[in-house]
N, C-alpha and C. Protein backbone atom coordinates (compact mmCIF):
# COMPACT_ATOMS: atom_id res chain seq x y z
N MET A 1 19.68 -20.40 5.06
CA MET A 1 19.65 -19.48 5.71
C MET A 1 20.41 -19.76 7.06
N LEU A 2 21.00 -18.64 7.37
CA LEU A 2 21.98 -18.51 8.59
C LEU A 2 21.35 -18.16 9.58
N THR A 3 22.11 -18.66 10.85
CA THR A 3 21.11 -18.92 11.66
C THR A 3 22.09 -18.60 13.21
N ILE A 4 21.79 -18.90 14.06
CA ILE A 4 22.28 -18.70 15.49
C ILE A 4 24.01 -19.48 15.20
N GLY A 5 24.80 -18.60 16.37
CA GLY A 5 26.06 -18.73 16.02
C GLY A 5 27.05 -18.24 14.71
N ASP A 6 26.14 -18.33 13.68
CA ASP A 6 26.87 -17.58 12.03
C ASP A 6 27.30 -16.32 12.52
N ARG A 7 28.19 -16.00 11.90
CA ARG A 7 28.80 -14.47 11.68
C ARG A 7 27.75 -13.44 10.55
N PHE A 8 27.18 -12.26 10.98
CA PHE A 8 26.42 -11.66 10.25
C PHE A 8 27.07 -10.77 9.10
N PRO A 9 26.68 -11.16 8.10
CA PRO A 9 26.88 -10.85 6.72
C PRO A 9 27.70 -9.01 7.01
N ASN A 10 28.97 -9.06 6.06
CA ASN A 10 29.72 -7.81 5.99
C ASN A 10 28.26 -6.70 4.77
N TYR A 11 27.72 -5.31 5.26
CA TYR A 11 27.00 -5.14 4.37
C TYR A 11 27.59 -3.49 4.18
N LYS A 12 27.25 -2.74 3.53
CA LYS A 12 27.15 -1.16 3.14
C LYS A 12 26.29 -1.18 2.33
N LEU A 13 25.06 -0.25 2.82
CA LEU A 13 23.73 0.25 2.21
C LEU A 13 23.43 1.24 2.44
N LYS A 14 22.75 2.02 1.45
CA LYS A 14 22.18 3.41 1.54
C LYS A 14 20.83 2.78 2.49
N ALA A 15 20.46 4.13 3.32
CA ALA A 15 19.05 4.22 4.32
C ALA A 15 18.79 5.44 4.37
N THR A 16 17.18 4.84 4.37
CA THR A 16 16.72 6.25 4.38
C THR A 16 16.70 6.74 6.00
N VAL A 17 17.05 7.81 6.28
CA VAL A 17 17.03 8.04 7.86
C VAL A 17 16.35 9.72 8.02
N GLY A 18 15.62 9.93 7.03
CA GLY A 18 14.74 11.37 7.17
C GLY A 18 13.50 11.56 5.95
N THR A 19 13.10 12.76 6.04
CA THR A 19 11.89 12.84 5.32
C THR A 19 12.41 13.86 3.88
N ASP A 20 13.77 14.31 3.93
CA ASP A 20 13.68 15.53 3.00
C ASP A 20 14.97 14.86 2.11
N LEU A 21 14.39 15.30 0.92
CA LEU A 21 15.65 14.58 -0.19
C LEU A 21 16.90 15.12 0.18
N GLU A 22 16.76 16.12 0.56
CA GLU A 22 18.66 16.79 0.67
C GLU A 22 19.32 15.97 1.76
N ASN A 23 18.73 15.65 2.87
CA ASN A 23 19.41 15.44 3.79
C ASN A 23 18.64 13.79 4.51
N GLY A 24 17.77 13.19 3.62
CA GLY A 24 16.95 12.03 3.98
C GLY A 24 18.08 10.63 3.99
N PHE A 25 19.26 10.97 3.53
CA PHE A 25 19.99 9.47 3.33
C PHE A 25 21.58 9.26 4.13
N ALA A 26 21.58 7.97 4.36
CA ALA A 26 23.13 7.76 4.74
C ALA A 26 23.74 6.46 4.33
N ASP A 27 24.80 6.39 4.60
CA ASP A 27 25.35 4.97 4.12
C ASP A 27 25.64 4.74 5.21
N LEU A 28 25.27 3.03 5.41
CA LEU A 28 25.78 2.37 6.95
C LEU A 28 25.99 0.98 6.48
N GLU A 29 27.00 0.62 7.43
CA GLU A 29 27.30 -0.32 7.34
C GLU A 29 27.89 -1.24 8.69
N ASN A 30 28.12 -2.26 8.66
CA ASN A 30 28.54 -3.12 10.09
C ASN A 30 29.33 -2.02 10.93
N ALA A 31 30.61 -1.65 10.65
CA ALA A 31 31.71 -0.78 10.74
C ALA A 31 30.77 0.58 12.21
N SER A 32 29.77 0.92 10.94
CA SER A 32 28.77 2.24 11.74
C SER A 32 28.58 2.08 13.22
N PHE A 33 28.28 0.24 13.33
CA PHE A 33 28.04 0.17 14.91
C PHE A 33 28.87 -0.86 15.69
N GLU A 34 29.95 -0.43 15.21
CA GLU A 34 31.02 -1.15 16.23
C GLU A 34 30.84 -1.32 17.74
N GLY A 35 31.06 -2.69 18.55
CA GLY A 35 31.04 -2.27 19.59
C GLY A 35 29.51 -2.36 20.32
N LYS A 36 28.46 -2.66 19.35
CA LYS A 36 26.87 -2.41 19.86
C LYS A 36 26.40 -3.55 19.22
N TRP A 37 25.27 -4.02 19.36
CA TRP A 37 24.48 -4.76 18.97
C TRP A 37 23.67 -4.39 18.17
N GLN A 38 23.03 -5.07 17.37
CA GLN A 38 22.39 -4.66 16.19
C GLN A 38 20.82 -5.46 16.15
N LEU A 39 19.89 -5.00 15.86
CA LEU A 39 18.46 -5.55 15.88
C LEU A 39 18.87 -5.26 14.13
N VAL A 40 18.21 -6.35 13.28
CA VAL A 40 17.92 -5.81 12.15
C VAL A 40 16.76 -6.94 11.31
N PHE A 41 15.84 -5.75 11.12
CA PHE A 41 14.74 -6.45 10.79
C PHE A 41 14.22 -6.25 9.36
N PHE A 42 14.28 -7.54 8.70
CA PHE A 42 13.85 -7.52 7.39
C PHE A 42 12.56 -7.42 7.37
N TYR A 43 11.40 -6.67 6.39
CA TYR A 43 10.31 -6.56 5.81
C TYR A 43 9.85 -6.67 4.23
N PRO A 44 9.29 -7.50 4.15
CA PRO A 44 8.89 -8.02 2.76
C PRO A 44 8.54 -6.21 1.76
N LYS A 45 8.06 -5.37 1.85
CA LYS A 45 7.73 -4.45 0.55
C LYS A 45 7.35 -3.14 1.23
N ASP A 46 7.70 -1.99 0.88
CA ASP A 46 6.77 -0.88 1.12
C ASP A 46 5.54 -0.78 0.56
N PHE A 47 4.70 0.36 0.90
CA PHE A 47 3.62 0.80 0.63
C PHE A 47 2.45 -0.79 0.74
N THR A 48 3.32 -1.54 1.96
CA THR A 48 2.28 -2.39 2.28
C THR A 48 1.41 -2.18 3.58
N PHE A 49 0.77 -3.33 4.30
CA PHE A 49 -0.65 -3.06 5.23
C PHE A 49 0.51 -3.68 6.97
N VAL A 50 0.88 -5.32 6.69
CA VAL A 50 1.53 -5.47 7.81
C VAL A 50 3.06 -4.58 8.16
N CYS A 51 3.65 -4.33 7.16
CA CYS A 51 5.17 -3.99 7.42
C CYS A 51 5.05 -2.51 8.42
N PRO A 52 4.01 -1.69 7.91
CA PRO A 52 4.26 -0.18 8.93
C PRO A 52 3.66 -0.09 10.32
N THR A 53 2.97 -1.33 10.62
CA THR A 53 2.87 -1.71 11.99
C THR A 53 4.18 -2.01 12.61
N GLU A 54 4.91 -2.70 12.10
CA GLU A 54 5.88 -3.10 12.43
C GLU A 54 7.05 -2.55 12.77
N ILE A 55 7.47 -1.65 11.72
CA ILE A 55 8.31 -0.43 11.56
C ILE A 55 7.98 0.64 12.65
N LYS A 56 6.56 0.87 13.07
CA LYS A 56 6.39 1.69 13.82
C LYS A 56 6.22 1.16 15.19
N ALA A 57 6.44 0.17 15.50
CA ALA A 57 6.43 -0.58 16.62
C ALA A 57 7.91 -0.81 17.20
N TYR A 58 8.92 -1.07 16.59
CA TYR A 58 9.90 -1.13 16.39
C TYR A 58 10.83 0.57 16.93
N SER A 59 10.02 1.58 15.83
CA SER A 59 10.76 3.00 16.03
C SER A 59 10.23 3.64 17.53
N ASP A 60 8.81 2.92 18.24
CA ASP A 60 8.53 3.32 19.14
C ASP A 60 9.74 2.78 20.24
N LEU A 61 9.93 1.95 20.36
CA LEU A 61 10.94 1.19 21.16
C LEU A 61 12.33 1.24 21.01
N ALA A 62 12.56 2.28 19.76
CA ALA A 62 14.22 2.51 19.55
C ALA A 62 14.94 3.04 20.76
N ASP A 63 14.26 3.47 21.70
CA ASP A 63 15.09 4.52 23.11
C ASP A 63 15.45 3.10 24.09
N GLU A 64 14.47 2.56 24.30
CA GLU A 64 14.63 1.26 24.99
C GLU A 64 15.74 0.32 24.61
N PHE A 65 15.66 -0.16 23.12
CA PHE A 65 16.94 -0.83 22.36
C PHE A 65 18.39 0.06 22.63
N ALA A 66 18.19 1.23 22.42
CA ALA A 66 19.29 1.95 22.80
C ALA A 66 20.05 2.13 24.31
N ASP A 67 18.70 2.11 24.72
CA ASP A 67 19.42 1.90 26.19
C ASP A 67 20.19 0.60 26.51
N ARG A 68 20.05 -0.54 25.57
CA ARG A 68 20.63 -1.62 25.99
C ARG A 68 22.29 -1.79 24.66
N ASP A 69 22.35 -0.38 24.28
CA ASP A 69 23.42 -0.52 23.55
C ASP A 69 23.11 -1.25 22.23
N CYS A 70 21.70 -1.38 21.58
CA CYS A 70 21.78 -2.10 20.61
C CYS A 70 20.45 -1.14 19.49
N VAL A 71 21.34 -1.09 18.17
CA VAL A 71 20.62 -0.30 17.29
C VAL A 71 19.80 -1.01 16.42
N VAL A 72 18.51 -0.42 15.86
CA VAL A 72 17.56 -0.97 15.37
C VAL A 72 17.64 -0.10 13.69
N LEU A 73 17.90 -1.19 13.03
CA LEU A 73 17.61 -1.12 11.71
C LEU A 73 16.54 -1.51 10.66
N ALA A 74 15.44 -1.05 10.09
CA ALA A 74 14.64 -2.17 9.40
C ALA A 74 15.35 -2.12 8.35
N ALA A 75 14.80 -2.93 7.24
CA ALA A 75 15.73 -3.80 5.76
C ALA A 75 14.43 -4.00 5.27
N SER A 76 14.80 -3.71 4.01
CA SER A 76 14.08 -4.34 2.66
C SER A 76 14.71 -4.37 1.26
N THR A 77 13.88 -4.74 0.42
CA THR A 77 14.90 -4.98 -0.98
C THR A 77 14.00 -3.80 -1.85
N ASP A 78 13.56 -2.80 -1.22
CA ASP A 78 12.86 -1.67 -1.92
C ASP A 78 14.10 -0.47 -1.39
N THR A 79 14.26 0.64 -2.55
CA THR A 79 15.01 1.26 -2.75
C THR A 79 15.28 2.56 -1.57
N GLU A 80 16.49 3.72 -1.53
CA GLU A 80 16.08 4.31 -0.50
C GLU A 80 14.88 5.38 -0.79
N PHE A 81 15.02 5.85 -2.10
CA PHE A 81 13.78 6.94 -2.40
C PHE A 81 12.40 6.31 -2.33
N VAL A 82 12.20 4.67 -2.48
CA VAL A 82 10.73 4.32 -2.19
C VAL A 82 10.60 4.22 -0.82
N HIS A 83 11.57 4.20 -0.23
CA HIS A 83 11.31 4.22 1.36
C HIS A 83 11.23 5.71 1.71
N LEU A 84 12.04 6.88 1.17
CA LEU A 84 11.61 7.88 1.47
C LEU A 84 9.81 8.44 0.98
N ALA A 85 9.81 8.00 0.09
CA ALA A 85 8.20 8.59 -0.50
C ALA A 85 7.50 7.83 0.61
N TRP A 86 7.49 6.60 0.98
CA TRP A 86 6.66 5.90 1.58
C TRP A 86 6.57 6.32 3.13
N ARG A 87 7.67 6.85 3.31
CA ARG A 87 7.54 7.78 4.97
C ARG A 87 7.10 9.28 4.65
N ASN A 88 7.24 9.88 3.66
CA ASN A 88 6.44 10.76 3.26
C ASN A 88 4.71 10.59 3.19
N SER A 89 4.87 9.57 2.81
CA SER A 89 2.66 9.59 2.70
C SER A 89 2.44 8.75 3.50
N HIS A 90 2.98 8.35 4.53
CA HIS A 90 2.52 7.31 5.66
C HIS A 90 2.55 8.21 6.99
N ASP A 91 1.37 8.34 7.70
CA ASP A 91 1.66 9.47 8.94
C ASP A 91 2.44 8.40 10.28
N ASP A 92 2.07 7.30 9.94
CA ASP A 92 2.68 6.26 10.83
C ASP A 92 4.26 6.20 10.83
N LEU A 93 5.12 6.75 9.81
CA LEU A 93 6.20 6.69 9.58
C LEU A 93 7.28 8.00 9.40
N ARG A 94 6.44 8.89 9.33
CA ARG A 94 7.23 10.20 9.35
C ARG A 94 7.95 10.44 9.99
N ASP A 95 7.94 10.29 11.50
CA ASP A 95 8.76 10.22 12.38
C ASP A 95 9.51 9.48 13.05
N LEU A 96 9.97 8.37 12.22
CA LEU A 96 10.88 7.27 12.49
C LEU A 96 12.12 7.33 13.28
N LYS A 97 12.61 6.65 14.31
CA LYS A 97 13.57 6.83 15.31
C LYS A 97 14.33 5.93 14.39
N ILE A 98 14.52 5.13 13.33
CA ILE A 98 15.46 3.90 13.25
C ILE A 98 15.27 4.13 11.58
N PRO A 99 16.43 3.93 10.96
CA PRO A 99 17.05 3.53 9.32
C PRO A 99 16.56 2.69 8.69
N MET A 100 16.16 3.07 7.73
CA MET A 100 15.09 1.79 6.51
C MET A 100 16.48 2.03 5.78
N LEU A 101 16.92 0.02 5.76
CA LEU A 101 18.31 0.01 4.73
C LEU A 101 17.67 -0.35 3.43
N ALA A 102 18.09 0.05 2.17
CA ALA A 102 17.83 -0.11 0.97
C ALA A 102 18.55 -1.71 0.58
N ASP A 103 18.24 -2.87 0.03
CA ASP A 103 18.73 -3.82 0.08
C ASP A 103 18.55 -4.29 -1.47
N VAL A 104 18.18 -3.11 -2.21
CA VAL A 104 18.17 -3.38 -3.67
C VAL A 104 18.84 -4.27 -4.23
N LYS A 105 19.80 -4.40 -3.94
CA LYS A 105 20.87 -5.88 -4.94
C LYS A 105 20.64 -6.60 -4.32
N ARG A 106 19.80 -6.53 -3.16
CA ARG A 106 19.48 -8.22 -2.32
C ARG A 106 21.10 -9.00 -1.82
N GLU A 107 22.02 -8.13 -1.60
CA GLU A 107 23.19 -9.11 -1.18
C GLU A 107 23.08 -9.44 0.30
N LEU A 108 22.42 -8.67 0.90
CA LEU A 108 22.19 -8.66 2.63
C LEU A 108 21.36 -10.07 2.55
N SER A 109 20.06 -9.58 1.99
CA SER A 109 19.13 -10.75 2.35
C SER A 109 19.51 -12.12 1.61
N GLY A 110 20.61 -11.91 0.55
CA GLY A 110 20.53 -13.32 -0.37
C GLY A 110 21.79 -13.81 0.60
N ALA A 111 22.71 -13.35 1.24
CA ALA A 111 23.87 -13.87 1.95
C ALA A 111 22.98 -14.36 3.11
N LEU A 112 21.78 -13.76 3.66
CA LEU A 112 21.32 -14.18 5.15
C LEU A 112 20.51 -15.37 4.58
N GLY A 113 19.99 -15.54 3.11
CA GLY A 113 18.75 -16.58 2.90
C GLY A 113 17.75 -16.89 2.95
N ILE A 114 17.02 -14.97 3.19
CA ILE A 114 15.99 -15.21 3.16
C ILE A 114 15.02 -14.20 2.12
N LEU A 115 15.61 -14.30 1.21
CA LEU A 115 14.90 -14.28 -0.57
C LEU A 115 13.58 -15.19 -0.54
N HIS A 116 12.21 -14.41 -0.61
CA HIS A 116 11.42 -15.49 -0.62
C HIS A 116 11.79 -16.14 -2.07
N PRO A 117 10.91 -17.03 -2.11
CA PRO A 117 11.12 -17.81 -3.35
C PRO A 117 10.72 -17.71 -4.57
N GLU A 118 9.25 -17.39 -4.47
CA GLU A 118 8.71 -16.84 -5.30
C GLU A 118 8.31 -15.26 -5.70
N GLU A 119 8.23 -14.39 -4.75
CA GLU A 119 8.23 -13.12 -4.80
C GLU A 119 9.38 -12.53 -4.81
N GLY A 120 10.55 -13.03 -4.58
CA GLY A 120 11.77 -12.25 -4.47
C GLY A 120 12.28 -11.30 -3.81
N VAL A 121 11.30 -10.92 -2.68
CA VAL A 121 11.61 -10.04 -1.84
C VAL A 121 12.11 -10.64 -0.53
N ALA A 122 12.40 -9.94 0.55
CA ALA A 122 12.89 -10.27 1.75
C ALA A 122 11.81 -10.85 2.60
N MET A 123 12.04 -12.12 3.15
CA MET A 123 11.13 -12.86 4.11
C MET A 123 10.94 -11.84 5.48
N ARG A 124 10.04 -11.74 6.12
CA ARG A 124 9.80 -11.46 7.33
C ARG A 124 10.77 -11.92 8.65
N ALA A 125 12.08 -11.29 8.25
CA ALA A 125 12.89 -12.12 9.24
C ALA A 125 13.56 -11.31 10.32
N THR A 126 14.06 -11.52 11.46
CA THR A 126 14.49 -10.77 12.49
C THR A 126 15.58 -11.38 12.78
N TYR A 127 16.58 -10.67 13.19
CA TYR A 127 18.02 -10.74 13.66
C TYR A 127 18.50 -9.84 14.84
N LEU A 128 18.89 -10.36 16.00
CA LEU A 128 19.90 -9.93 17.00
C LEU A 128 20.99 -10.37 17.01
N VAL A 129 21.83 -9.70 16.84
CA VAL A 129 23.70 -9.60 16.52
C VAL A 129 24.34 -8.64 17.60
N ASP A 130 25.19 -9.80 18.00
CA ASP A 130 25.87 -8.85 19.47
C ASP A 130 26.65 -8.32 18.76
N PRO A 131 27.81 -7.76 19.92
CA PRO A 131 28.90 -6.73 19.36
C PRO A 131 29.84 -7.32 18.64
N GLN A 132 30.19 -8.72 18.33
CA GLN A 132 31.32 -9.37 17.90
C GLN A 132 30.99 -9.70 16.38
N GLY A 133 29.61 -9.18 16.20
CA GLY A 133 29.02 -9.70 14.91
C GLY A 133 28.31 -11.10 14.97
N ILE A 134 28.16 -11.53 15.59
CA ILE A 134 27.63 -12.99 15.72
C ILE A 134 25.99 -13.36 15.95
N ILE A 135 25.45 -13.71 15.39
CA ILE A 135 24.04 -13.91 15.22
C ILE A 135 23.31 -14.55 16.81
N ARG A 136 22.85 -14.08 17.16
CA ARG A 136 22.18 -14.41 18.89
C ARG A 136 21.12 -15.02 18.78
N HIS A 137 20.14 -14.25 17.94
CA HIS A 137 18.70 -14.69 17.44
C HIS A 137 18.21 -14.41 16.70
N VAL A 138 17.64 -15.47 15.91
CA VAL A 138 16.85 -14.96 14.38
C VAL A 138 15.49 -15.74 14.25
N SER A 139 14.39 -14.80 13.58
CA SER A 139 12.77 -15.67 13.67
C SER A 139 12.72 -14.98 12.21
N VAL A 140 11.90 -16.15 11.73
CA VAL A 140 11.20 -15.86 10.47
C VAL A 140 9.52 -16.08 10.83
N THR A 141 8.80 -15.19 10.47
CA THR A 141 7.56 -15.36 10.35
C THR A 141 6.84 -15.34 8.99
N ASP A 142 5.69 -15.82 8.39
CA ASP A 142 5.20 -16.06 7.07
C ASP A 142 4.56 -14.56 7.26
N MET A 143 4.67 -14.25 5.42
CA MET A 143 4.73 -12.94 4.67
C MET A 143 3.63 -12.17 5.53
N ASN A 144 2.39 -12.36 5.93
CA ASN A 144 1.02 -12.25 6.38
C ASN A 144 1.41 -11.76 7.89
N VAL A 145 2.21 -12.63 8.92
CA VAL A 145 2.04 -12.27 9.95
C VAL A 145 3.58 -11.55 10.61
N GLY A 146 2.76 -10.56 11.37
CA GLY A 146 3.46 -9.42 12.12
C GLY A 146 4.14 -9.33 13.32
N ARG A 147 5.17 -9.34 13.41
CA ARG A 147 6.41 -9.79 14.51
C ARG A 147 6.12 -8.89 16.18
N ASN A 148 6.19 -9.41 17.29
CA ASN A 148 6.17 -8.83 18.33
C ASN A 148 7.43 -7.77 18.79
N ALA A 149 7.55 -6.25 18.61
CA ALA A 149 9.00 -5.47 18.83
C ALA A 149 8.84 -5.79 20.20
N LYS A 150 8.12 -6.14 21.39
CA LYS A 150 8.17 -6.04 22.85
C LYS A 150 8.75 -7.53 22.96
N GLU A 151 8.26 -8.13 22.20
CA GLU A 151 9.35 -10.06 22.49
C GLU A 151 10.67 -9.82 22.08
N THR A 152 10.93 -9.25 21.15
CA THR A 152 12.33 -9.11 20.76
C THR A 152 13.44 -8.45 21.84
N LEU A 153 12.77 -7.07 22.30
CA LEU A 153 13.15 -6.48 23.14
C LEU A 153 13.86 -7.33 24.52
N ARG A 154 12.52 -8.24 24.96
CA ARG A 154 12.71 -9.13 25.95
C ARG A 154 13.68 -10.53 25.59
N ILE A 155 13.89 -10.58 24.52
CA ILE A 155 14.59 -11.78 24.01
C ILE A 155 16.54 -11.17 24.02
N LEU A 156 16.08 -9.62 23.65
CA LEU A 156 17.41 -8.73 23.81
C LEU A 156 18.18 -9.19 25.30
N ASP A 157 17.18 -8.48 26.61
CA ASP A 157 17.19 -8.29 27.56
C ASP A 157 17.94 -9.87 28.12
N ALA A 158 17.36 -11.00 27.86
CA ALA A 158 17.41 -12.43 27.91
C ALA A 158 19.14 -13.13 27.51
N LEU A 159 19.34 -12.14 26.56
CA LEU A 159 20.50 -12.49 25.94
C LEU A 159 21.30 -11.96 26.61
N GLN A 160 21.11 -10.61 26.79
CA GLN A 160 22.38 -9.77 27.80
C GLN A 160 22.82 -10.20 29.24
N SER A 161 21.45 -10.66 29.71
CA SER A 161 21.44 -11.44 31.00
C SER A 161 22.95 -12.05 30.95
N ASP A 162 23.19 -13.02 30.26
CA ASP A 162 24.06 -14.07 30.12
C ASP A 162 23.94 -14.96 31.36
N GLU A 163 22.55 -15.44 31.65
CA GLU A 163 22.04 -16.44 32.42
C GLU A 163 21.15 -17.45 32.10
N LEU A 164 20.57 -18.61 32.43
CA LEU A 164 19.35 -18.84 31.83
C LEU A 164 18.41 -18.62 32.34
N CYS A 165 17.53 -18.44 31.26
CA CYS A 165 16.17 -17.76 31.50
C CYS A 165 15.06 -19.02 31.07
N PRO A 166 14.16 -18.98 32.18
CA PRO A 166 13.22 -20.02 31.82
C PRO A 166 12.37 -19.42 30.98
N CYS A 167 11.18 -20.49 31.02
CA CYS A 167 10.18 -19.64 29.80
C CYS A 167 9.19 -18.91 29.95
N ASN A 168 9.00 -17.70 29.53
CA ASN A 168 8.16 -16.82 29.74
C ASN A 168 9.25 -15.52 30.96
N TRP A 169 10.30 -15.83 30.67
CA TRP A 169 11.23 -15.02 31.59
C TRP A 169 11.12 -13.87 31.54
N GLN A 170 11.07 -12.80 32.23
CA GLN A 170 10.92 -11.16 32.25
C GLN A 170 11.65 -10.36 32.66
N PRO A 171 12.61 -9.46 32.72
CA PRO A 171 13.57 -8.48 33.26
C PRO A 171 13.02 -8.54 34.76
N GLY A 172 13.60 -8.68 35.58
CA GLY A 172 13.89 -8.92 36.83
C GLY A 172 13.42 -9.77 37.59
N ASP A 173 12.74 -10.99 36.73
CA ASP A 173 12.72 -12.20 37.01
C ASP A 173 13.98 -13.10 37.59
N ASP A 174 13.47 -14.14 38.77
CA ASP A 174 15.19 -14.78 38.81
C ASP A 174 15.71 -15.72 37.80
N HIS A 175 16.66 -16.02 37.37
CA HIS A 175 17.29 -16.71 36.24
C HIS A 175 17.31 -18.03 36.81
N LEU A 176 17.28 -19.32 36.14
CA LEU A 176 17.78 -20.53 36.77
C LEU A 176 18.97 -20.86 37.52
N LYS A 177 18.95 -21.28 38.01
CA LYS A 177 20.41 -21.84 38.62
C LYS A 177 21.04 -23.49 38.19
N ALA A 178 21.96 -23.52 37.54
CA ALA A 178 22.47 -24.81 37.22
C ALA A 178 22.49 -25.76 38.52
N ALA A 179 21.94 -26.89 38.40
CA ALA A 179 22.38 -27.20 39.67
C ALA A 179 24.14 -28.25 39.75
C-alpha cells in the first residue's frame, strides 16, 4: 500500500458530477487539480449503508475544504452509471458538491494497494495529497467502520500549518516549539 511520502498515482477517470444522464459526467485527472490539495476517499460499494453517510459528510464540508485549496473526490470501483443511479435514488446523495470517481478497471485503487483481497473492491481508504502530488496523510478503516470527515479537515489544517501540532491540536491552538 502506498503511504506517506509516496507520489499519488496518476489517474484519468470518469466521474459522476450531477444527476442527469446528459450532463452528469466528466473526465477527471490529476492535472485537473494542479496546484491544489486533493482529498481522495475510497469507499467499498454503491447502494450500501455506511458509504452514503461518509459521502454526504464530506460533501457537506466541501466548501470548507475548498477554502483550504483542497478538492474532495469520492471514489469506488463502481461505474459512473451506477454512481448516477445511486445519486438519483438516495435522498442524501442527490445534491452532492463532490465528484464520484469510477475506478472501474481498478487502476487507481490497485496502484494504491487498497483492493480488498476477498471482495475485490476498494477498502475504506482516505488520502490527503499535497499540491506536488505527494501523499501527506493516509488512513484505512475496516469495511464496516465509517470515518470522520471533520477529523480529516482537522488533519488538513494541521498539515497546512507546517508546524508541530500536538495531540488533539485544533485550528487556533498553539503549535509546539522545538527546544
